[in-house]
């Protein structure tokens, strides 16, 4: 019962009592979040299906081969994959209650995610400025919906990790921060996996057609 008292999750714990992100109790406690991740997976599956149907409906406008800058996409992919590795290292550091490595790893995750998002926003701005916004064709509607939804998830992840680092600085390692690290790690790895599929299906396969 003590775990559900007001403030119990924000009480600093000793190393022996700290349920780290990979602790079995934390994983079981994240069951509800797994349900959310499954629903998010269904959302992206629907967006991929819509894109697959609409990718040829360019209405005389550009297709993916004309709008994709594979050099920038490769940089985005490298940033996001490296951020996933940094996130994993941050989870391990938090598991061991090592504050400095946790800050460094999750700070790196934030910076790389911000670079990814900045590149994506610049690509969207250039497309819209050239008259190739989501209202130009069904293909571009599907493209903006899929890639933009993923970008929104990245933006939410950046806000989340910034909040986690602030909470860690303010409260130290608590049961609340342990759960937060676990859930963020699951979320960030999901959006990395989704991006790998986007990169493969939308850019690599699409640009080769």
Protein backbone atom coordinates (compact mmCIF):
# COMPACT_ATOMS: atom_id res chain seq x y z
CA UNK A 1 0.00 0.00 0.00
CA UNK A 2 2.90 2.35 0.59
CA UNK A 3 3.58 2.55 -3.13
CA UNK A 4 0.28 4.28 -3.82
CA UNK A 5 0.55 7.01 -1.20
CA UNK A 6 0.72 10.57 -2.46
CA UNK A 7 4.34 11.27 -3.31
CA UNK A 8 5.49 7.68 -2.87
CA UNK A 9 6.67 7.48 -6.46
CA UNK A 10 8.77 10.61 -5.98
CA UNK A 11 10.56 9.52 -2.82
CA UNK A 12 14.32 9.12 -3.39
CA UNK A 13 15.37 5.50 -3.01
CA UNK A 14 18.58 3.74 -2.16
CA UNK A 15 20.33 1.74 -4.84
CA UNK A 16 19.06 -1.56 -3.45
CA UNK A 17 15.43 -0.39 -3.50
CA UNK A 18 15.45 1.43 -6.83
CA UNK A 19 13.36 -0.39 -9.47
CA UNK A 20 15.34 0.50 -12.59
CA UNK A 21 13.88 0.67 -16.10
CA UNK A 22 14.75 -2.97 -16.75
CA UNK A 23 13.45 -4.18 -13.38
CA UNK A 24 10.71 -6.80 -13.68
CA UNK A 25 8.36 -4.80 -11.45
CA UNK A 26 8.67 -1.79 -13.73
CA UNK A 27 8.06 -3.88 -16.84
CA UNK A 28 4.90 -5.43 -15.39
CA UNK A 29 3.71 -1.99 -14.28
CA UNK A 30 4.03 -0.75 -17.87
CA UNK A 31 1.41 -3.19 -19.21
CA UNK A 32 -1.08 -0.40 -19.93
CA UNK A 33 1.55 1.45 -21.92
CA UNK A 34 2.15 -1.65 -24.03
CA UNK A 35 -1.55 -1.46 -24.97
CA UNK A 36 -1.03 2.14 -26.06
CA UNK A 37 2.00 1.13 -28.15
CA UNK A 38 -0.07 -1.55 -29.87
CA UNK A 39 -2.75 1.01 -30.70
CA UNK A 40 -0.06 3.32 -32.05
CA UNK A 41 1.21 0.46 -34.19
CA UNK A 42 -2.31 0.04 -35.61
CA UNK A 43 -2.41 3.78 -36.38
CA UNK A 44 0.82 3.61 -38.34
CA UNK A 45 -0.28 0.42 -40.09
CA UNK A 46 -3.37 2.29 -41.31
CA UNK A 47 -1.25 5.22 -42.49
CA UNK A 48 1.11 2.88 -44.35
CA UNK A 49 -1.89 1.18 -46.00
CA UNK A 50 -3.34 4.54 -47.05
CA UNK A 51 0.03 5.63 -48.44
CA UNK A 52 0.37 2.38 -50.40
CA UNK A 53 -3.00 3.00 -52.03
CA UNK A 54 -2.36 6.68 -52.75
CA UNK A 55 1.29 6.66 -53.79
CA UNK A 56 0.47 6.54 -57.49
CA UNK A 57 -2.21 9.23 -57.35
CA UNK A 58 0.04 12.19 -58.10
CA UNK A 59 -2.52 14.11 -60.21
CA UNK A 60 0.24 15.09 -62.60
CA UNK A 61 2.41 16.39 -59.80
CA UNK A 62 5.67 15.04 -58.36
CA UNK A 63 6.05 11.57 -56.93
CA UNK A 64 8.34 10.41 -54.17
CA UNK A 65 11.29 10.10 -56.58
CA UNK A 66 11.00 13.81 -57.39
CA UNK A 67 10.56 15.17 -53.86
CA UNK A 68 12.87 12.87 -51.88
CA UNK A 69 16.39 14.07 -51.06
CA UNK A 70 17.99 10.78 -50.13
CA UNK A 71 21.06 12.53 -48.73
CA UNK A 72 18.95 14.36 -46.15
CA UNK A 73 16.88 11.25 -45.48
CA UNK A 74 20.09 9.30 -44.81
CA UNK A 75 21.19 11.97 -42.31
CA UNK A 76 17.78 11.81 -40.62
CA UNK A 77 18.03 8.03 -40.41
CA UNK A 78 21.54 8.13 -38.95
CA UNK A 79 20.43 10.68 -36.34
CA UNK A 80 17.41 8.67 -35.26
CA UNK A 81 19.21 5.31 -35.13
CA UNK A 82 22.08 6.83 -33.15
CA UNK A 83 19.57 8.45 -30.80
CA UNK A 84 18.03 5.03 -30.21
CA UNK A 85 21.43 3.67 -29.19
CA UNK A 86 21.98 6.67 -26.91
CA UNK A 87 18.53 6.13 -25.39
CA UNK A 88 19.39 2.52 -24.62
CA UNK A 89 22.64 3.58 -22.95
CA UNK A 90 20.67 6.13 -20.94
CA UNK A 91 18.29 3.43 -19.73
CA UNK A 92 21.21 1.30 -18.58
CA UNK A 93 22.82 4.25 -16.81
CA UNK A 94 19.52 5.08 -15.09
CA UNK A 95 19.19 1.44 -14.07
CA UNK A 96 22.47 1.82 -12.20
CA UNK A 97 21.52 5.27 -10.83
CA UNK A 98 24.46 6.92 -12.58
CA UNK A 99 23.29 10.48 -12.99
CA UNK A 100 25.99 11.97 -15.25
CA UNK A 101 25.89 9.18 -17.89
CA UNK A 102 22.09 9.34 -17.79
CA UNK A 103 22.13 13.08 -18.50
CA UNK A 104 24.74 12.64 -21.24
CA UNK A 105 22.96 9.79 -23.01
CA UNK A 106 19.46 11.24 -22.85
CA UNK A 107 20.79 14.69 -23.71
CA UNK A 108 22.36 13.16 -26.81
CA UNK A 109 19.02 11.51 -27.59
CA UNK A 110 17.33 14.90 -27.36
CA UNK A 111 19.87 16.67 -29.59
CA UNK A 112 19.79 14.00 -32.29
CA UNK A 113 16.00 13.88 -32.22
CA UNK A 114 15.89 17.68 -32.54
CA UNK A 115 18.23 17.55 -35.56
CA UNK A 116 16.00 14.92 -37.16
CA UNK A 117 12.89 17.01 -36.56
CA UNK A 118 14.56 20.18 -37.83
CA UNK A 119 15.54 18.52 -41.11
CA UNK A 120 12.06 17.11 -41.55
CA UNK A 121 10.40 20.47 -40.93
CA UNK A 122 12.73 22.15 -43.41
CA UNK A 123 11.80 19.51 -46.02
CA UNK A 124 8.10 20.08 -45.41
CA UNK A 125 8.54 23.86 -45.63
CA UNK A 126 10.40 23.55 -48.93
CA UNK A 127 7.71 21.30 -50.39
CA UNK A 128 4.89 23.62 -49.34
CA UNK A 129 6.78 26.68 -50.62
CA UNK A 130 7.13 24.94 -54.01
CA UNK A 131 3.38 24.33 -54.18
CA UNK A 132 3.67 20.67 -53.24
CA UNK A 133 1.71 20.72 -50.01
CA UNK A 134 -0.70 18.01 -48.85
CA UNK A 135 -3.52 19.56 -50.92
CA UNK A 136 -1.57 19.14 -54.19
CA UNK A 137 -2.44 15.47 -54.71
CA UNK A 138 -3.68 12.36 -52.95
CA UNK A 139 -0.12 11.05 -52.91
CA UNK A 140 1.15 14.13 -51.09
CA UNK A 141 -1.76 13.93 -48.64
CA UNK A 142 -0.76 10.36 -47.78
CA UNK A 143 2.91 11.31 -47.62
CA UNK A 144 2.40 14.27 -45.29
CA UNK A 145 0.00 12.26 -43.11
CA UNK A 146 2.43 9.34 -42.65
CA UNK A 147 5.71 11.21 -42.29
CA UNK A 148 4.09 14.09 -40.39
CA UNK A 149 2.47 11.77 -37.84
CA UNK A 150 5.84 10.18 -37.22
CA UNK A 151 7.40 13.63 -36.84
CA UNK A 152 4.72 14.56 -34.31
CA UNK A 153 5.68 11.51 -32.27
CA UNK A 154 9.33 12.61 -32.36
CA UNK A 155 8.31 16.07 -31.14
CA UNK A 156 6.31 14.57 -28.28
CA UNK A 157 9.30 12.38 -27.42
CA UNK A 158 11.55 15.44 -27.21
CA UNK A 159 9.16 17.13 -24.78
CA UNK A 160 8.98 13.91 -22.78
CA UNK A 161 12.74 13.38 -22.45
CA UNK A 162 13.24 17.04 -21.51
CA UNK A 163 10.65 16.59 -18.77
CA UNK A 164 12.36 13.42 -17.57
CA UNK A 165 15.72 15.15 -17.28
CA UNK A 166 14.14 18.06 -15.41
CA UNK A 167 12.43 15.65 -13.03
CA UNK A 168 15.65 13.75 -12.49
CA UNK A 169 17.49 16.98 -11.66
CA UNK A 170 14.76 18.04 -9.26
CA UNK A 171 13.92 14.75 -7.52
CA UNK A 172 16.74 12.33 -8.22
CA UNK A 173 16.17 8.64 -8.84
CA UNK A 174 12.70 7.64 -7.64
CA UNK A 175 10.13 5.02 -8.54
CA UNK A 176 8.44 7.67 -10.68
CA UNK A 177 11.58 8.43 -12.66
CA UNK A 178 12.28 4.71 -13.07
CA UNK A 179 8.87 4.18 -14.61
CA UNK A 180 9.26 7.31 -16.74
CA UNK A 181 12.59 6.08 -18.13
CA UNK A 182 11.11 2.69 -18.97
CA UNK A 183 8.06 4.09 -20.76
CA UNK A 184 10.08 6.67 -22.67
CA UNK A 185 12.54 4.00 -23.82
CA UNK A 186 9.69 1.87 -25.16
CA UNK A 187 8.16 4.87 -26.94
CA UNK A 188 11.42 6.08 -28.48
CA UNK A 189 12.38 2.66 -29.77
CA UNK A 190 8.92 2.31 -31.34
CA UNK A 191 9.23 5.53 -33.33
CA UNK A 192 12.72 4.45 -34.42
CA UNK A 193 11.32 1.16 -35.71
CA UNK A 194 8.53 3.01 -37.52
CA UNK A 195 11.08 5.29 -39.15
CA UNK A 196 13.09 2.30 -40.42
CA UNK A 197 9.92 1.10 -42.15
CA UNK A 198 9.23 4.61 -43.51
CA UNK A 199 12.80 4.87 -44.80
CA UNK A 200 12.62 1.46 -46.45
CA UNK A 201 9.10 1.58 -47.91
CA UNK A 202 8.62 5.25 -48.71
CA UNK A 203 12.10 6.38 -49.68
CA UNK A 204 14.24 3.43 -50.75
CA UNK A 205 11.59 1.35 -52.53
CA UNK A 206 9.59 4.36 -53.68
CA UNK A 207 12.54 6.28 -55.11
CA UNK A 208 13.72 3.17 -56.96
CA UNK A 209 10.48 2.87 -58.92
